[in-house]
N, C-alpha and C. Protein backbone atom coordinates (compact mmCIF):
# COMPACT_ATOMS: atom_id res chain seq x y z
N MET A 1 -2.01 -40.69 33.26
CA MET A 1 -2.91 -41.84 33.37
C MET A 1 -4.07 -41.69 32.40
N ALA A 2 -4.44 -42.77 31.74
CA ALA A 2 -5.51 -42.72 30.75
C ALA A 2 -6.87 -42.43 31.39
N ILE A 3 -7.73 -41.74 30.65
CA ILE A 3 -9.10 -41.49 31.09
C ILE A 3 -9.88 -42.79 30.92
N ARG A 4 -10.45 -43.29 32.00
CA ARG A 4 -11.17 -44.57 31.98
C ARG A 4 -12.63 -44.33 31.62
N VAL A 5 -13.09 -44.94 30.54
CA VAL A 5 -14.42 -44.65 29.99
C VAL A 5 -15.27 -45.92 29.97
N LEU A 6 -16.50 -45.81 30.44
CA LEU A 6 -17.48 -46.89 30.33
C LEU A 6 -18.54 -46.45 29.32
N ILE A 7 -18.85 -47.32 28.37
CA ILE A 7 -19.82 -47.01 27.31
C ILE A 7 -21.08 -47.85 27.52
N ALA A 8 -22.25 -47.20 27.45
CA ALA A 8 -23.52 -47.92 27.60
C ALA A 8 -24.47 -47.51 26.48
N ASP A 9 -24.76 -48.45 25.60
CA ASP A 9 -25.70 -48.21 24.50
C ASP A 9 -26.30 -49.55 24.12
N ASP A 10 -27.64 -49.62 24.03
CA ASP A 10 -28.27 -50.92 23.79
C ASP A 10 -28.18 -51.35 22.32
N HIS A 11 -27.66 -50.48 21.47
CA HIS A 11 -27.39 -50.86 20.08
C HIS A 11 -25.91 -51.27 19.98
N GLY A 12 -25.67 -52.56 19.79
CA GLY A 12 -24.31 -53.07 19.81
C GLY A 12 -23.39 -52.42 18.80
N VAL A 13 -23.90 -52.15 17.60
CA VAL A 13 -23.07 -51.54 16.55
C VAL A 13 -22.63 -50.14 16.97
N VAL A 14 -23.56 -49.38 17.57
CA VAL A 14 -23.22 -48.03 18.05
C VAL A 14 -22.19 -48.11 19.17
N ALA A 15 -22.41 -49.02 20.10
CA ALA A 15 -21.48 -49.17 21.22
C ALA A 15 -20.07 -49.50 20.73
N GLU A 16 -19.98 -50.40 19.77
CA GLU A 16 -18.66 -50.78 19.25
C GLU A 16 -18.03 -49.64 18.46
N GLY A 17 -18.86 -48.86 17.77
CA GLY A 17 -18.34 -47.68 17.06
C GLY A 17 -17.75 -46.67 18.03
N LEU A 18 -18.45 -46.46 19.14
CA LEU A 18 -17.95 -45.54 20.16
C LEU A 18 -16.66 -46.08 20.77
N ARG A 19 -16.62 -47.39 21.00
CA ARG A 19 -15.41 -48.00 21.55
C ARG A 19 -14.22 -47.75 20.62
N PHE A 20 -14.43 -47.92 19.34
CA PHE A 20 -13.36 -47.72 18.35
C PHE A 20 -12.84 -46.28 18.40
N VAL A 21 -13.77 -45.31 18.45
CA VAL A 21 -13.39 -43.89 18.46
C VAL A 21 -12.59 -43.57 19.72
N VAL A 22 -13.09 -44.05 20.87
CA VAL A 22 -12.43 -43.73 22.15
C VAL A 22 -11.07 -44.42 22.26
N GLU A 23 -11.00 -45.69 21.90
CA GLU A 23 -9.75 -46.42 22.06
C GLU A 23 -8.67 -45.97 21.08
N ALA A 24 -9.07 -45.22 20.04
CA ALA A 24 -8.09 -44.67 19.11
C ALA A 24 -7.32 -43.50 19.72
N GLN A 25 -7.78 -43.01 20.88
CA GLN A 25 -7.12 -41.88 21.53
C GLN A 25 -6.03 -42.37 22.48
N PRO A 26 -4.85 -41.80 22.42
CA PRO A 26 -3.75 -42.28 23.27
C PRO A 26 -3.95 -42.04 24.76
N ASP A 27 -4.86 -41.10 25.10
CA ASP A 27 -5.07 -40.75 26.51
C ASP A 27 -6.36 -41.33 27.07
N MET A 28 -6.96 -42.33 26.38
CA MET A 28 -8.23 -42.90 26.84
C MET A 28 -8.20 -44.42 26.74
N GLU A 29 -8.99 -45.06 27.61
CA GLU A 29 -9.20 -46.51 27.52
C GLU A 29 -10.65 -46.82 27.86
N VAL A 30 -11.23 -47.80 27.16
CA VAL A 30 -12.58 -48.25 27.44
C VAL A 30 -12.50 -49.41 28.42
N ILE A 31 -13.12 -49.25 29.59
CA ILE A 31 -13.03 -50.30 30.61
C ILE A 31 -14.21 -51.27 30.52
N ASP A 32 -15.28 -50.86 29.85
CA ASP A 32 -16.42 -51.75 29.67
C ASP A 32 -17.35 -51.18 28.61
N CYS A 33 -18.07 -52.07 27.95
CA CYS A 33 -19.03 -51.69 26.91
C CYS A 33 -20.32 -52.44 27.25
N ILE A 34 -21.34 -51.73 27.70
CA ILE A 34 -22.54 -52.33 28.29
C ILE A 34 -23.74 -52.07 27.39
N LEU A 35 -24.62 -53.08 27.27
CA LEU A 35 -25.81 -52.94 26.44
C LEU A 35 -27.08 -52.69 27.27
N ASP A 36 -26.96 -52.72 28.60
CA ASP A 36 -28.12 -52.58 29.48
C ASP A 36 -27.85 -51.48 30.50
N SER A 37 -28.82 -50.57 30.68
CA SER A 37 -28.58 -49.40 31.53
C SER A 37 -28.46 -49.74 33.01
N ARG A 38 -29.25 -50.68 33.49
CA ARG A 38 -29.13 -51.05 34.90
C ARG A 38 -27.78 -51.71 35.18
N GLU A 39 -27.32 -52.52 34.23
CA GLU A 39 -25.99 -53.11 34.35
C GLU A 39 -24.93 -52.02 34.30
N ALA A 40 -25.16 -50.98 33.51
CA ALA A 40 -24.22 -49.85 33.44
C ALA A 40 -24.11 -49.16 34.79
N VAL A 41 -25.23 -49.02 35.48
CA VAL A 41 -25.20 -48.42 36.82
C VAL A 41 -24.39 -49.31 37.76
N ARG A 42 -24.67 -50.61 37.73
CA ARG A 42 -23.94 -51.54 38.61
C ARG A 42 -22.44 -51.53 38.31
N ARG A 43 -22.08 -51.57 37.03
CA ARG A 43 -20.67 -51.60 36.66
C ARG A 43 -19.97 -50.28 37.00
N SER A 44 -20.70 -49.19 36.92
CA SER A 44 -20.12 -47.89 37.29
C SER A 44 -19.79 -47.87 38.77
N ILE A 45 -20.69 -48.41 39.58
CA ILE A 45 -20.45 -48.46 41.03
C ILE A 45 -19.25 -49.36 41.34
N GLU A 46 -19.13 -50.45 40.59
CA GLU A 46 -18.03 -51.39 40.83
C GLU A 46 -16.69 -50.87 40.34
N THR A 47 -16.66 -50.25 39.17
CA THR A 47 -15.38 -49.91 38.53
C THR A 47 -14.99 -48.44 38.65
N ARG A 48 -15.94 -47.58 39.04
CA ARG A 48 -15.66 -46.14 39.21
C ARG A 48 -14.95 -45.54 38.01
N PRO A 49 -15.56 -45.55 36.82
CA PRO A 49 -14.91 -44.95 35.65
C PRO A 49 -14.79 -43.44 35.80
N ASP A 50 -13.89 -42.86 35.05
CA ASP A 50 -13.77 -41.40 35.05
C ASP A 50 -14.96 -40.78 34.32
N VAL A 51 -15.36 -41.41 33.20
CA VAL A 51 -16.44 -40.88 32.38
C VAL A 51 -17.33 -42.04 31.92
N VAL A 52 -18.65 -41.82 31.98
CA VAL A 52 -19.62 -42.77 31.42
C VAL A 52 -20.28 -42.11 30.21
N LEU A 53 -20.27 -42.80 29.08
CA LEU A 53 -21.04 -42.38 27.90
C LEU A 53 -22.28 -43.25 27.88
N ILE A 54 -23.47 -42.63 27.94
CA ILE A 54 -24.68 -43.44 27.98
C ILE A 54 -25.74 -42.90 27.04
N ASP A 55 -26.38 -43.80 26.33
CA ASP A 55 -27.45 -43.44 25.41
C ASP A 55 -28.67 -43.00 26.20
N HIS A 56 -29.35 -41.97 25.72
CA HIS A 56 -30.55 -41.49 26.41
C HIS A 56 -31.68 -42.50 26.32
N ALA A 57 -31.89 -43.08 25.15
CA ALA A 57 -33.08 -43.90 24.89
C ALA A 57 -32.84 -45.37 25.21
N MET A 58 -32.48 -45.66 26.45
CA MET A 58 -32.27 -47.05 26.86
C MET A 58 -33.56 -47.62 27.41
N PRO A 59 -33.93 -48.85 27.03
CA PRO A 59 -35.15 -49.45 27.56
C PRO A 59 -35.01 -49.81 29.03
N GLY A 60 -36.14 -49.80 29.75
CA GLY A 60 -36.14 -50.19 31.16
C GLY A 60 -35.72 -49.09 32.10
N LEU A 61 -34.66 -48.40 31.77
CA LEU A 61 -34.14 -47.29 32.58
C LEU A 61 -33.45 -46.33 31.62
N ASN A 62 -34.05 -45.17 31.38
CA ASN A 62 -33.48 -44.28 30.37
C ASN A 62 -32.19 -43.62 30.87
N GLY A 63 -31.50 -42.96 29.95
CA GLY A 63 -30.20 -42.40 30.27
C GLY A 63 -30.20 -41.37 31.38
N ALA A 64 -31.24 -40.54 31.43
CA ALA A 64 -31.30 -39.51 32.47
C ALA A 64 -31.45 -40.14 33.85
N GLU A 65 -32.32 -41.15 33.98
CA GLU A 65 -32.49 -41.81 35.27
C GLU A 65 -31.25 -42.59 35.66
N ALA A 66 -30.61 -43.23 34.69
CA ALA A 66 -29.36 -43.94 34.97
C ALA A 66 -28.29 -42.96 35.44
N THR A 67 -28.25 -41.79 34.80
CA THR A 67 -27.30 -40.75 35.20
C THR A 67 -27.52 -40.35 36.65
N HIS A 68 -28.78 -40.14 37.02
CA HIS A 68 -29.12 -39.77 38.39
C HIS A 68 -28.59 -40.82 39.38
N LEU A 69 -28.78 -42.10 39.07
CA LEU A 69 -28.33 -43.17 39.96
C LEU A 69 -26.81 -43.26 40.01
N ILE A 70 -26.16 -43.10 38.87
CA ILE A 70 -24.69 -43.15 38.84
C ILE A 70 -24.09 -42.01 39.64
N ARG A 71 -24.60 -40.81 39.42
CA ARG A 71 -24.05 -39.64 40.12
C ARG A 71 -24.32 -39.70 41.62
N GLU A 72 -25.45 -40.31 41.98
CA GLU A 72 -25.79 -40.46 43.40
C GLU A 72 -24.80 -41.36 44.11
N ARG A 73 -24.37 -42.44 43.44
CA ARG A 73 -23.46 -43.41 44.05
C ARG A 73 -21.99 -43.15 43.71
N CYS A 74 -21.73 -42.48 42.60
CA CYS A 74 -20.35 -42.23 42.15
C CYS A 74 -20.19 -40.75 41.78
N PRO A 75 -20.21 -39.87 42.77
CA PRO A 75 -20.16 -38.43 42.46
C PRO A 75 -18.91 -37.98 41.73
N GLU A 76 -17.86 -38.80 41.79
CA GLU A 76 -16.61 -38.43 41.10
C GLU A 76 -16.64 -38.83 39.62
N THR A 77 -17.62 -39.61 39.21
CA THR A 77 -17.74 -40.04 37.82
C THR A 77 -18.54 -39.03 37.01
N HIS A 78 -18.02 -38.63 35.86
CA HIS A 78 -18.73 -37.70 34.98
C HIS A 78 -19.55 -38.49 33.97
N VAL A 79 -20.73 -37.98 33.64
CA VAL A 79 -21.61 -38.68 32.71
C VAL A 79 -21.91 -37.80 31.50
N ILE A 80 -21.76 -38.37 30.32
CA ILE A 80 -22.13 -37.71 29.07
C ILE A 80 -23.29 -38.49 28.46
N ILE A 81 -24.39 -37.80 28.20
CA ILE A 81 -25.53 -38.44 27.56
C ILE A 81 -25.45 -38.27 26.06
N LEU A 82 -25.65 -39.37 25.35
CA LEU A 82 -25.72 -39.37 23.88
C LEU A 82 -27.19 -39.50 23.51
N SER A 83 -27.69 -38.59 22.69
CA SER A 83 -29.13 -38.59 22.46
C SER A 83 -29.49 -38.20 21.03
N MET A 84 -30.59 -38.77 20.55
CA MET A 84 -31.15 -38.33 19.28
C MET A 84 -32.01 -37.09 19.49
N TYR A 85 -32.35 -36.80 20.75
CA TYR A 85 -33.16 -35.63 21.06
C TYR A 85 -32.29 -34.38 21.13
N SER A 86 -32.75 -33.30 20.50
CA SER A 86 -31.97 -32.06 20.54
C SER A 86 -32.78 -30.89 21.08
N ASN A 87 -33.95 -31.17 21.67
CA ASN A 87 -34.71 -30.03 22.21
C ASN A 87 -34.27 -29.70 23.64
N GLN A 88 -34.56 -28.48 24.05
CA GLN A 88 -34.05 -27.96 25.31
C GLN A 88 -34.55 -28.72 26.53
N VAL A 89 -35.78 -29.23 26.47
CA VAL A 89 -36.35 -29.93 27.62
C VAL A 89 -35.52 -31.16 27.96
N HIS A 90 -35.16 -31.94 26.94
CA HIS A 90 -34.36 -33.14 27.19
C HIS A 90 -32.96 -32.79 27.68
N VAL A 91 -32.38 -31.74 27.13
CA VAL A 91 -31.04 -31.33 27.56
C VAL A 91 -31.05 -30.87 29.01
N LEU A 92 -32.00 -30.02 29.36
CA LEU A 92 -32.07 -29.52 30.74
C LEU A 92 -32.35 -30.65 31.72
N ARG A 93 -33.19 -31.59 31.31
CA ARG A 93 -33.50 -32.73 32.19
C ARG A 93 -32.24 -33.55 32.44
N ALA A 94 -31.43 -33.74 31.40
CA ALA A 94 -30.19 -34.49 31.55
C ALA A 94 -29.22 -33.78 32.48
N LEU A 95 -29.09 -32.47 32.32
CA LEU A 95 -28.20 -31.70 33.18
C LEU A 95 -28.68 -31.71 34.62
N GLN A 96 -30.00 -31.62 34.82
CA GLN A 96 -30.55 -31.66 36.16
C GLN A 96 -30.34 -33.03 36.81
N ALA A 97 -30.26 -34.08 36.00
CA ALA A 97 -30.01 -35.43 36.52
C ALA A 97 -28.55 -35.61 36.95
N GLY A 98 -27.68 -34.68 36.53
CA GLY A 98 -26.28 -34.75 36.93
C GLY A 98 -25.29 -34.93 35.79
N ALA A 99 -25.80 -35.00 34.55
CA ALA A 99 -24.88 -35.13 33.41
C ALA A 99 -24.05 -33.86 33.27
N THR A 100 -22.79 -34.02 32.87
CA THR A 100 -21.95 -32.86 32.61
C THR A 100 -21.65 -32.71 31.13
N GLY A 101 -22.25 -33.59 30.32
CA GLY A 101 -22.12 -33.48 28.88
C GLY A 101 -23.36 -34.00 28.19
N TYR A 102 -23.67 -33.44 27.03
CA TYR A 102 -24.83 -33.88 26.24
C TYR A 102 -24.43 -33.74 24.78
N VAL A 103 -24.36 -34.88 24.09
CA VAL A 103 -23.92 -34.90 22.71
C VAL A 103 -25.03 -35.48 21.84
N VAL A 104 -25.42 -34.74 20.81
CA VAL A 104 -26.42 -35.24 19.86
C VAL A 104 -25.77 -36.35 19.04
N LYS A 105 -26.49 -37.46 18.90
CA LYS A 105 -25.89 -38.67 18.31
C LYS A 105 -25.32 -38.45 16.91
N LYS A 106 -25.98 -37.63 16.11
CA LYS A 106 -25.49 -37.44 14.75
C LYS A 106 -24.13 -36.74 14.73
N SER A 107 -23.77 -36.11 15.86
CA SER A 107 -22.48 -35.43 15.96
C SER A 107 -21.47 -36.21 16.81
N ALA A 108 -21.87 -37.38 17.30
CA ALA A 108 -21.07 -38.09 18.31
C ALA A 108 -19.65 -38.38 17.86
N ALA A 109 -19.50 -38.89 16.65
CA ALA A 109 -18.16 -39.28 16.19
C ALA A 109 -17.21 -38.10 16.19
N LYS A 110 -17.72 -36.90 15.87
CA LYS A 110 -16.88 -35.71 15.80
C LYS A 110 -16.65 -35.09 17.17
N GLU A 111 -17.64 -35.21 18.07
CA GLU A 111 -17.60 -34.43 19.31
C GLU A 111 -17.27 -35.23 20.56
N VAL A 112 -17.46 -36.55 20.53
CA VAL A 112 -17.40 -37.30 21.78
C VAL A 112 -16.02 -37.25 22.45
N VAL A 113 -14.96 -37.25 21.66
CA VAL A 113 -13.62 -37.21 22.25
C VAL A 113 -13.38 -35.87 22.96
N ASP A 114 -13.76 -34.76 22.31
CA ASP A 114 -13.63 -33.45 22.95
C ASP A 114 -14.48 -33.39 24.22
N ALA A 115 -15.68 -33.97 24.16
CA ALA A 115 -16.57 -33.96 25.32
C ALA A 115 -15.96 -34.72 26.50
N ILE A 116 -15.36 -35.88 26.22
CA ILE A 116 -14.75 -36.68 27.29
C ILE A 116 -13.62 -35.89 27.96
N ARG A 117 -12.77 -35.29 27.16
CA ARG A 117 -11.63 -34.55 27.73
C ARG A 117 -12.11 -33.38 28.57
N LEU A 118 -13.12 -32.67 28.05
CA LEU A 118 -13.59 -31.46 28.75
C LEU A 118 -14.24 -31.81 30.08
N VAL A 119 -15.14 -32.80 30.10
CA VAL A 119 -15.81 -33.11 31.37
C VAL A 119 -14.83 -33.73 32.36
N HIS A 120 -13.84 -34.46 31.86
CA HIS A 120 -12.83 -35.05 32.75
C HIS A 120 -12.02 -33.96 33.44
N GLU A 121 -11.86 -32.83 32.76
CA GLU A 121 -11.13 -31.70 33.34
C GLU A 121 -12.01 -30.84 34.23
N GLY A 122 -13.28 -31.22 34.37
CA GLY A 122 -14.18 -30.47 35.25
C GLY A 122 -15.12 -29.51 34.55
N GLY A 123 -15.11 -29.52 33.21
CA GLY A 123 -15.98 -28.63 32.46
C GLY A 123 -17.29 -29.29 32.09
N ARG A 124 -18.10 -28.55 31.33
CA ARG A 124 -19.36 -29.08 30.80
C ARG A 124 -19.30 -29.02 29.29
N TYR A 125 -19.95 -29.98 28.64
CA TYR A 125 -19.94 -30.00 27.18
C TYR A 125 -21.35 -30.17 26.64
N LEU A 126 -21.75 -29.28 25.75
CA LEU A 126 -22.99 -29.41 25.01
C LEU A 126 -22.66 -29.39 23.52
N SER A 127 -23.33 -30.24 22.76
CA SER A 127 -23.17 -30.16 21.30
C SER A 127 -23.41 -28.73 20.86
N LYS A 128 -22.62 -28.28 19.91
CA LYS A 128 -22.65 -26.87 19.52
C LYS A 128 -24.04 -26.40 19.11
N GLU A 129 -24.81 -27.25 18.46
CA GLU A 129 -26.14 -26.85 18.00
C GLU A 129 -27.12 -26.65 19.16
N LEU A 130 -26.76 -27.12 20.36
CA LEU A 130 -27.67 -27.03 21.50
C LEU A 130 -27.42 -25.83 22.39
N ALA A 131 -26.20 -25.34 22.42
CA ALA A 131 -25.80 -24.36 23.42
C ALA A 131 -26.69 -23.13 23.45
N ASP A 132 -26.93 -22.51 22.30
CA ASP A 132 -27.72 -21.27 22.28
C ASP A 132 -29.14 -21.50 22.79
N GLY A 133 -29.75 -22.60 22.38
CA GLY A 133 -31.11 -22.88 22.80
C GLY A 133 -31.23 -23.09 24.29
N VAL A 134 -30.26 -23.79 24.88
CA VAL A 134 -30.29 -24.03 26.32
C VAL A 134 -30.10 -22.73 27.09
N ILE A 135 -29.21 -21.87 26.61
CA ILE A 135 -29.02 -20.57 27.25
C ILE A 135 -30.30 -19.74 27.18
N ASP A 136 -30.94 -19.74 26.02
CA ASP A 136 -32.21 -19.01 25.87
C ASP A 136 -33.25 -19.52 26.85
N GLN A 137 -33.34 -20.85 27.00
CA GLN A 137 -34.30 -21.43 27.92
C GLN A 137 -33.99 -21.03 29.35
N ALA A 138 -32.69 -21.02 29.69
CA ALA A 138 -32.29 -20.72 31.06
C ALA A 138 -32.60 -19.29 31.47
N VAL A 139 -32.58 -18.35 30.53
CA VAL A 139 -32.78 -16.95 30.88
C VAL A 139 -34.23 -16.51 30.72
N GLN A 140 -35.11 -17.39 30.29
CA GLN A 140 -36.53 -17.04 30.21
C GLN A 140 -37.05 -16.75 31.62
N LYS A 141 -37.87 -15.73 31.72
CA LYS A 141 -38.41 -15.37 33.03
C LYS A 141 -39.40 -16.41 33.53
N SER A 142 -40.16 -17.01 32.63
CA SER A 142 -41.16 -17.99 33.02
C SER A 142 -41.06 -19.24 32.15
N PRO A 143 -40.00 -20.02 32.32
CA PRO A 143 -39.86 -21.22 31.49
C PRO A 143 -40.98 -22.21 31.77
N ALA A 144 -41.35 -22.97 30.75
CA ALA A 144 -42.42 -23.94 30.92
C ALA A 144 -42.02 -25.00 31.94
N GLU A 145 -42.97 -25.36 32.79
CA GLU A 145 -42.70 -26.37 33.81
C GLU A 145 -42.56 -27.74 33.15
N ASP A 146 -41.58 -28.50 33.59
CA ASP A 146 -41.42 -29.88 33.14
C ASP A 146 -42.30 -30.74 34.05
N PRO A 147 -43.37 -31.34 33.53
CA PRO A 147 -44.27 -32.11 34.40
C PRO A 147 -43.59 -33.29 35.08
N LEU A 148 -42.48 -33.76 34.52
CA LEU A 148 -41.78 -34.89 35.13
C LEU A 148 -41.16 -34.52 36.47
N LYS A 149 -41.01 -33.23 36.74
CA LYS A 149 -40.48 -32.79 38.03
C LYS A 149 -41.43 -33.15 39.17
N ARG A 150 -42.69 -33.40 38.83
CA ARG A 150 -43.67 -33.77 39.86
C ARG A 150 -43.43 -35.19 40.37
N LEU A 151 -42.66 -35.98 39.61
CA LEU A 151 -42.44 -37.37 39.95
C LEU A 151 -41.07 -37.58 40.57
N SER A 152 -41.00 -38.55 41.48
CA SER A 152 -39.70 -38.94 42.04
C SER A 152 -38.96 -39.80 41.03
N SER A 153 -37.67 -40.03 41.29
CA SER A 153 -36.88 -40.88 40.40
C SER A 153 -37.49 -42.28 40.29
N ARG A 154 -37.92 -42.85 41.39
CA ARG A 154 -38.51 -44.18 41.36
C ARG A 154 -39.83 -44.17 40.58
N GLU A 155 -40.62 -43.12 40.74
CA GLU A 155 -41.87 -43.02 39.98
C GLU A 155 -41.59 -42.92 38.48
N ARG A 156 -40.55 -42.22 38.10
CA ARG A 156 -40.21 -42.12 36.67
C ARG A 156 -39.75 -43.47 36.14
N GLN A 157 -39.04 -44.25 36.96
CA GLN A 157 -38.63 -45.59 36.54
C GLN A 157 -39.84 -46.50 36.33
N VAL A 158 -40.78 -46.44 37.27
CA VAL A 158 -42.01 -47.24 37.14
C VAL A 158 -42.78 -46.81 35.90
N LEU A 159 -42.88 -45.50 35.67
CA LEU A 159 -43.59 -44.99 34.50
C LEU A 159 -42.97 -45.53 33.21
N GLN A 160 -41.66 -45.51 33.12
CA GLN A 160 -41.02 -46.00 31.91
C GLN A 160 -41.35 -47.48 31.67
N MET A 161 -41.24 -48.28 32.71
CA MET A 161 -41.48 -49.71 32.54
C MET A 161 -42.95 -50.00 32.23
N LEU A 162 -43.86 -49.25 32.83
CA LEU A 162 -45.28 -49.40 32.50
C LEU A 162 -45.52 -49.07 31.03
N ALA A 163 -44.94 -47.96 30.58
CA ALA A 163 -45.15 -47.52 29.20
C ALA A 163 -44.55 -48.49 28.20
N GLU A 164 -43.51 -49.20 28.60
CA GLU A 164 -42.87 -50.18 27.72
C GLU A 164 -43.57 -51.54 27.72
N GLY A 165 -44.66 -51.63 28.51
CA GLY A 165 -45.47 -52.84 28.47
C GLY A 165 -45.08 -53.92 29.45
N HIS A 166 -44.23 -53.61 30.42
CA HIS A 166 -43.84 -54.62 31.41
C HIS A 166 -45.00 -54.92 32.35
N ALA A 167 -45.17 -56.18 32.69
CA ALA A 167 -46.21 -56.57 33.64
C ALA A 167 -45.84 -56.10 35.04
N THR A 168 -46.86 -55.95 35.87
CA THR A 168 -46.64 -55.49 37.25
C THR A 168 -45.64 -56.39 37.98
N ALA A 169 -45.78 -57.70 37.81
CA ALA A 169 -44.88 -58.64 38.50
C ALA A 169 -43.43 -58.46 38.04
N ASN A 170 -43.24 -58.19 36.74
CA ASN A 170 -41.90 -57.99 36.22
C ASN A 170 -41.28 -56.69 36.75
N ILE A 171 -42.09 -55.63 36.81
CA ILE A 171 -41.61 -54.36 37.35
C ILE A 171 -41.22 -54.54 38.81
N ALA A 172 -42.08 -55.24 39.56
CA ALA A 172 -41.81 -55.48 40.98
C ALA A 172 -40.50 -56.23 41.18
N ALA A 173 -40.27 -57.26 40.37
CA ALA A 173 -39.04 -58.05 40.49
C ALA A 173 -37.81 -57.24 40.13
N THR A 174 -37.91 -56.43 39.07
CA THR A 174 -36.77 -55.64 38.62
C THR A 174 -36.39 -54.56 39.63
N LEU A 175 -37.41 -53.91 40.21
CA LEU A 175 -37.16 -52.79 41.12
C LEU A 175 -37.15 -53.22 42.59
N LEU A 176 -37.29 -54.52 42.83
CA LEU A 176 -37.29 -55.06 44.20
C LEU A 176 -38.41 -54.45 45.04
N LEU A 177 -39.60 -54.45 44.45
CA LEU A 177 -40.79 -53.95 45.12
C LEU A 177 -41.85 -55.05 45.14
N SER A 178 -42.90 -54.86 45.93
CA SER A 178 -44.03 -55.78 45.88
C SER A 178 -44.97 -55.34 44.76
N PRO A 179 -45.72 -56.27 44.16
CA PRO A 179 -46.69 -55.88 43.14
C PRO A 179 -47.68 -54.82 43.63
N LYS A 180 -48.08 -54.91 44.89
CA LYS A 180 -49.01 -53.93 45.45
C LYS A 180 -48.38 -52.53 45.45
N THR A 181 -47.09 -52.47 45.77
CA THR A 181 -46.40 -51.18 45.77
C THR A 181 -46.32 -50.60 44.37
N VAL A 182 -46.09 -51.45 43.37
CA VAL A 182 -46.07 -50.99 41.98
C VAL A 182 -47.42 -50.40 41.59
N GLU A 183 -48.50 -51.07 41.98
CA GLU A 183 -49.84 -50.55 41.69
C GLU A 183 -50.07 -49.21 42.38
N THR A 184 -49.54 -49.08 43.59
CA THR A 184 -49.65 -47.80 44.32
C THR A 184 -48.90 -46.70 43.58
N TYR A 185 -47.69 -47.03 43.09
CA TYR A 185 -46.91 -46.07 42.30
C TYR A 185 -47.69 -45.66 41.05
N ARG A 186 -48.28 -46.63 40.37
CA ARG A 186 -49.03 -46.33 39.15
C ARG A 186 -50.17 -45.35 39.43
N ALA A 187 -50.92 -45.61 40.49
CA ALA A 187 -52.03 -44.72 40.84
C ALA A 187 -51.52 -43.33 41.20
N ARG A 188 -50.41 -43.28 41.93
CA ARG A 188 -49.85 -41.99 42.35
C ARG A 188 -49.33 -41.19 41.16
N ILE A 189 -48.68 -41.89 40.21
CA ILE A 189 -48.17 -41.24 39.00
C ILE A 189 -49.31 -40.59 38.23
N MET A 190 -50.37 -41.36 38.01
CA MET A 190 -51.51 -40.86 37.24
C MET A 190 -52.17 -39.68 37.94
N GLU A 191 -52.23 -39.75 39.26
CA GLU A 191 -52.81 -38.64 40.03
C GLU A 191 -51.95 -37.38 39.90
N LYS A 192 -50.64 -37.54 40.06
CA LYS A 192 -49.74 -36.38 39.98
C LYS A 192 -49.76 -35.72 38.61
N LEU A 193 -49.91 -36.54 37.57
CA LEU A 193 -49.89 -36.02 36.20
C LEU A 193 -51.27 -35.61 35.70
N GLY A 194 -52.30 -35.93 36.49
CA GLY A 194 -53.66 -35.59 36.06
C GLY A 194 -54.11 -36.42 34.88
N ILE A 195 -53.65 -37.66 34.81
CA ILE A 195 -53.98 -38.56 33.71
C ILE A 195 -54.97 -39.62 34.19
N GLN A 196 -56.01 -39.85 33.39
CA GLN A 196 -57.10 -40.71 33.83
C GLN A 196 -57.04 -42.15 33.30
N ASP A 197 -56.33 -42.37 32.19
CA ASP A 197 -56.33 -43.71 31.60
C ASP A 197 -54.93 -44.10 31.16
N PHE A 198 -54.74 -45.42 31.01
CA PHE A 198 -53.41 -45.95 30.74
C PHE A 198 -52.88 -45.55 29.36
N ALA A 199 -53.77 -45.52 28.36
CA ALA A 199 -53.33 -45.15 27.01
C ALA A 199 -52.74 -43.75 26.99
N THR A 200 -53.36 -42.82 27.72
CA THR A 200 -52.85 -41.45 27.80
C THR A 200 -51.52 -41.42 28.53
N LEU A 201 -51.37 -42.29 29.52
CA LEU A 201 -50.12 -42.37 30.28
C LEU A 201 -48.97 -42.80 29.37
N VAL A 202 -49.22 -43.80 28.53
CA VAL A 202 -48.20 -44.27 27.58
C VAL A 202 -47.84 -43.16 26.60
N LYS A 203 -48.85 -42.47 26.09
CA LYS A 203 -48.62 -41.37 25.16
C LYS A 203 -47.78 -40.28 25.81
N PHE A 204 -48.08 -39.98 27.07
CA PHE A 204 -47.31 -38.98 27.81
C PHE A 204 -45.84 -39.39 27.91
N ALA A 205 -45.60 -40.67 28.24
CA ALA A 205 -44.22 -41.15 28.41
C ALA A 205 -43.43 -41.03 27.12
N ILE A 206 -44.06 -41.33 25.98
CA ILE A 206 -43.38 -41.22 24.70
C ILE A 206 -43.12 -39.76 24.34
N GLN A 207 -44.12 -38.91 24.53
CA GLN A 207 -43.99 -37.49 24.18
C GLN A 207 -42.91 -36.79 24.99
N HIS A 208 -42.71 -37.24 26.22
CA HIS A 208 -41.73 -36.58 27.10
C HIS A 208 -40.40 -37.32 27.17
N GLY A 209 -40.19 -38.25 26.23
CA GLY A 209 -38.87 -38.89 26.14
C GLY A 209 -38.55 -39.84 27.25
N ILE A 210 -39.55 -40.27 28.03
CA ILE A 210 -39.31 -41.25 29.09
C ILE A 210 -38.94 -42.60 28.49
N THR A 211 -39.61 -42.92 27.38
CA THR A 211 -39.33 -44.16 26.68
C THR A 211 -39.28 -43.88 25.19
N PRO A 212 -38.42 -44.55 24.46
CA PRO A 212 -38.32 -44.29 23.02
C PRO A 212 -39.53 -44.84 22.27
N LEU A 213 -39.70 -44.39 21.03
CA LEU A 213 -40.80 -44.85 20.18
C LEU A 213 -40.60 -46.28 19.73
N GLU A 214 -39.35 -46.75 19.74
CA GLU A 214 -39.04 -48.09 19.21
C GLU A 214 -39.82 -49.17 19.93
């Protein structure tokens, strides 16, 4: 039976390129190609793909948070994150969210097929250039704390949308919250991170890969 793959990337050309690479394999089929991460979560719940390929830098809901939601609702689905980020913090955060693969985008065309097969068989896949660095980070006696661990998944989602310039009412509608609750989340996020002003909060979100620079 073919490996059923769902692709999620907000850049249509990249998504179609990935579709071409995957569909060229005799043992794989693309069941959907999604440009929106929240829609990718919904479609994953509906279609239960074997593997989801998702871009890290998705607006509104980044790849790591989408991975967390997919794995929470579809534990049998494996997720591979495609990312322009190659530092250990982003890789570890993706793995902690439940991803079983992490492929650096510049290597995607060469590595993505191997990654799909490996995670489908129950293994883990890291781009070759990442493996040594992640192992080094894992064996450090006192690794640097990731400040995002202080936030819940919902708080990280609110942080991303705030940093991307969404109005409180829009965030509330998207996340099915009241505007007052969104304001409460904002105050709690800033308190947990020790941040006093909104400009610093946006800078923090960009520096920590919560939202892309674009």
